[in-house]
Amino acid sequence: MAKSPVSSARTCYSLIAGKRGVNLYELLSALVVLSWANWKSKIRFLACMFDFEETGALTVSELAMLLESTGRGVGLMTGTSVPLHRYFD
């Protein structure tokens, strides 16, 4: 029997929320990466989402935040982990 959308959403929320709450950037970036959209659209959307200075280009810190948030979000949704702290310290 298929899960209802509400049940799936609750499962997704509980996987992401855990004990530390939900990080919106992790949630949105993971949903984008795991979506059916083509990679060009995914990258364009993520770049716009993390371009906080609205310059049309990402700074090093914005790119680091994009990669860290996406890695953590996808890791939480898929039950995997990447030792991101090694790369972003």
C-alpha atoms as a PDB file:
ATOM      1  CA  MET A   1       0.000   0.000   0.000  1.00  0.00           C
ATOM      2  CA  ALA A   2       1.372   3.412  -0.991  1.00  0.00           C
ATOM      3  CA  LYS A   3       2.079   6.043   1.636  1.00  0.00           C
ATOM      4  CA  SER A   4      -0.095   9.125   1.642  1.00  0.00           C
ATOM      5  CA  PRO A   5       1.584  12.462   0.808  1.00  0.00           C
ATOM      6  CA  VAL A   6       1.021  13.609   4.393  1.00  0.00           C
ATOM      7  CA  SER A   7       2.688  10.491   5.774  1.00  0.00           C
ATOM      8  CA  SER A   8       5.628  10.929   3.409  1.00  0.00           C
ATOM      9  CA  ALA A   9       5.966  14.590   4.405  1.00  0.00           C
ATOM     10  CA  ARG A  10       5.968  13.669   8.102  1.00  0.00           C
ATOM     11  CA  THR A  11       8.640  11.033   7.494  1.00  0.00           C
ATOM     12  CA  CYS A  12      10.747  13.535   5.574  1.00  0.00           C
ATOM     13  CA  TYR A  13      10.313  16.154   8.315  1.00  0.00           C
ATOM     14  CA  SER A  14      11.267  13.730  11.076  1.00  0.00           C
ATOM     15  CA  LEU A  15      14.398  12.665   9.189  1.00  0.00           C
ATOM     16  CA  ILE A  16      15.496  16.263   8.724  1.00  0.00           C
ATOM     17  CA  ALA A  17      14.291  17.767  11.989  1.00  0.00           C
ATOM     18  CA  GLY A  18      15.804  15.216  14.333  1.00  0.00           C
ATOM     19  CA  LYS A  19      16.887  16.800  17.590  1.00  0.00           C
ATOM     20  CA  ARG A  20      18.244  20.031  16.163  1.00  0.00           C
ATOM     21  CA  GLY A  21      15.258  21.431  14.275  1.00  0.00           C
ATOM     22  CA  VAL A  22      14.891  22.141  10.584  1.00  0.00           C
ATOM     23  CA  ASN A  23      17.399  24.203   8.634  1.00  0.00           C
ATOM     24  CA  LEU A  24      15.440  25.690   5.743  1.00  0.00           C
ATOM     25  CA  TYR A  25      18.493  25.942   3.485  1.00  0.00           C
ATOM     26  CA  GLU A  26      19.327  22.268   4.042  1.00  0.00           C
ATOM     27  CA  LEU A  27      15.747  21.244   3.348  1.00  0.00           C
ATOM     28  CA  LEU A  28      15.302  23.327   0.193  1.00  0.00           C
ATOM     29  CA  SER A  29      18.700  22.554  -1.301  1.00  0.00           C
ATOM     30  CA  ALA A  30      18.239  18.817  -0.698  1.00  0.00           C
ATOM     31  CA  LEU A  31      14.780  18.890  -2.258  1.00  0.00           C
ATOM     32  CA  VAL A  32      16.208  20.669  -5.296  1.00  0.00           C
ATOM     33  CA  VAL A  33      19.068  18.188  -5.700  1.00  0.00           C
ATOM     34  CA  LEU A  34      16.774  15.186  -5.276  1.00  0.00           C
ATOM     35  CA  SER A  35      14.124  16.578  -7.643  1.00  0.00           C
ATOM     36  CA  TRP A  36      13.488  15.439 -11.212  1.00  0.00           C
ATOM     37  CA  ALA A  37      14.654  18.758 -12.686  1.00  0.00           C
ATOM     38  CA  ASN A  38      17.676  18.781 -14.979  1.00  0.00           C
ATOM     39  CA  TRP A  39      21.039  19.662 -13.437  1.00  0.00           C
ATOM     40  CA  LYS A  40      21.305  23.018 -15.182  1.00  0.00           C
ATOM     41  CA  SER A  41      18.013  24.133 -13.600  1.00  0.00           C
ATOM     42  CA  LYS A  42      19.041  22.761 -10.212  1.00  0.00           C
ATOM     43  CA  ILE A  43      22.351  24.612 -10.237  1.00  0.00           C
ATOM     44  CA  ARG A  44      20.759  27.836 -11.429  1.00  0.00           C
ATOM     45  CA  PHE A  45      18.102  27.665  -8.674  1.00  0.00           C
ATOM     46  CA  LEU A  46      20.646  26.874  -5.944  1.00  0.00           C
ATOM     47  CA  ALA A  47      22.954  29.664  -7.113  1.00  0.00           C
ATOM     48  CA  CYS A  48      20.084  32.158  -6.926  1.00  0.00           C
ATOM     49  CA  MET A  49      19.028  30.828  -3.524  1.00  0.00           C
ATOM     50  CA  PHE A  50      22.502  31.279  -2.014  1.00  0.00           C
ATOM     51  CA  ASP A  51      23.431  34.546  -3.783  1.00  0.00           C
ATOM     52  CA  PHE A  52      22.720  36.645  -0.694  1.00  0.00           C
ATOM     53  CA  GLU A  53      24.497  39.727  -2.042  1.00  0.00           C
ATOM     54  CA  GLU A  54      22.480  39.481  -5.289  1.00  0.00           C
ATOM     55  CA  THR A  55      25.556  39.981  -7.474  1.00  0.00           C
ATOM     56  CA  GLY A  56      24.778  37.212  -9.955  1.00  0.00           C
ATOM     57  CA  ALA A  57      27.818  35.273  -8.746  1.00  0.00           C
ATOM     58  CA  LEU A  58      28.564  33.353  -5.563  1.00  0.00           C
ATOM     59  CA  THR A  59      31.285  34.408  -3.152  1.00  0.00           C
ATOM     60  CA  VAL A  60      33.501  31.713  -1.667  1.00  0.00           C
ATOM     61  CA  SER A  61      31.509  31.782   1.578  1.00  0.00           C
ATOM     62  CA  GLU A  62      28.175  31.561  -0.289  1.00  0.00           C
ATOM     63  CA  LEU A  63      29.461  28.599  -2.304  1.00  0.00           C
ATOM     64  CA  ALA A  64      30.710  26.914   0.880  1.00  0.00           C
ATOM     65  CA  MET A  65      27.301  27.410   2.505  1.00  0.00           C
ATOM     66  CA  LEU A  66      25.567  25.998  -0.594  1.00  0.00           C
ATOM     67  CA  LEU A  67      27.750  22.885  -0.608  1.00  0.00           C
ATOM     68  CA  GLU A  68      27.538  22.341   3.144  1.00  0.00           C
ATOM     69  CA  SER A  69      23.761  22.831   3.311  1.00  0.00           C
ATOM     70  CA  THR A  70      23.165  20.595   0.309  1.00  0.00           C
ATOM     71  CA  GLY A  71      25.461  17.875   1.622  1.00  0.00           C
ATOM     72  CA  ARG A  72      23.866  17.870   5.052  1.00  0.00           C
ATOM     73  CA  GLY A  73      20.329  17.998   3.678  1.00  0.00           C
ATOM     74  CA  VAL A  74      20.846  15.164   1.211  1.00  0.00           C
ATOM     75  CA  GLY A  75      22.663  13.184   3.883  1.00  0.00           C
ATOM     76  CA  LEU A  76      19.787  13.567   6.312  1.00  0.00           C
ATOM     77  CA  MET A  77      17.189  12.650   3.697  1.00  0.00           C
ATOM     78  CA  THR A  78      19.067   9.591   2.463  1.00  0.00           C
ATOM     79  CA  GLY A  79      20.438   8.395   5.789  1.00  0.00           C
ATOM     80  CA  THR A  80      24.039   8.922   4.740  1.00  0.00           C
ATOM     81  CA  SER A  81      26.652  11.294   6.045  1.00  0.00           C
ATOM     82  CA  VAL A  82      29.575  13.197   4.638  1.00  0.00           C
ATOM     83  CA  PRO A  83      32.245  14.566   7.015  1.00  0.00           C
ATOM     84  CA  LEU A  84      31.746  18.088   5.686  1.00  0.00           C
ATOM     85  CA  HIS A  85      33.576  19.763   8.555  1.00  0.00           C
ATOM     86  CA  ARG A  86      36.850  18.488   7.095  1.00  0.00           C
ATOM     87  CA  TYR A  87      36.253  20.461   3.922  1.00  0.00           C
ATOM     88  CA  PHE A  88      34.755  23.686   5.270  1.00  0.00           C
ATOM     89  CA  ASP A  89      36.916  24.589   8.258  1.00  0.00           C
END
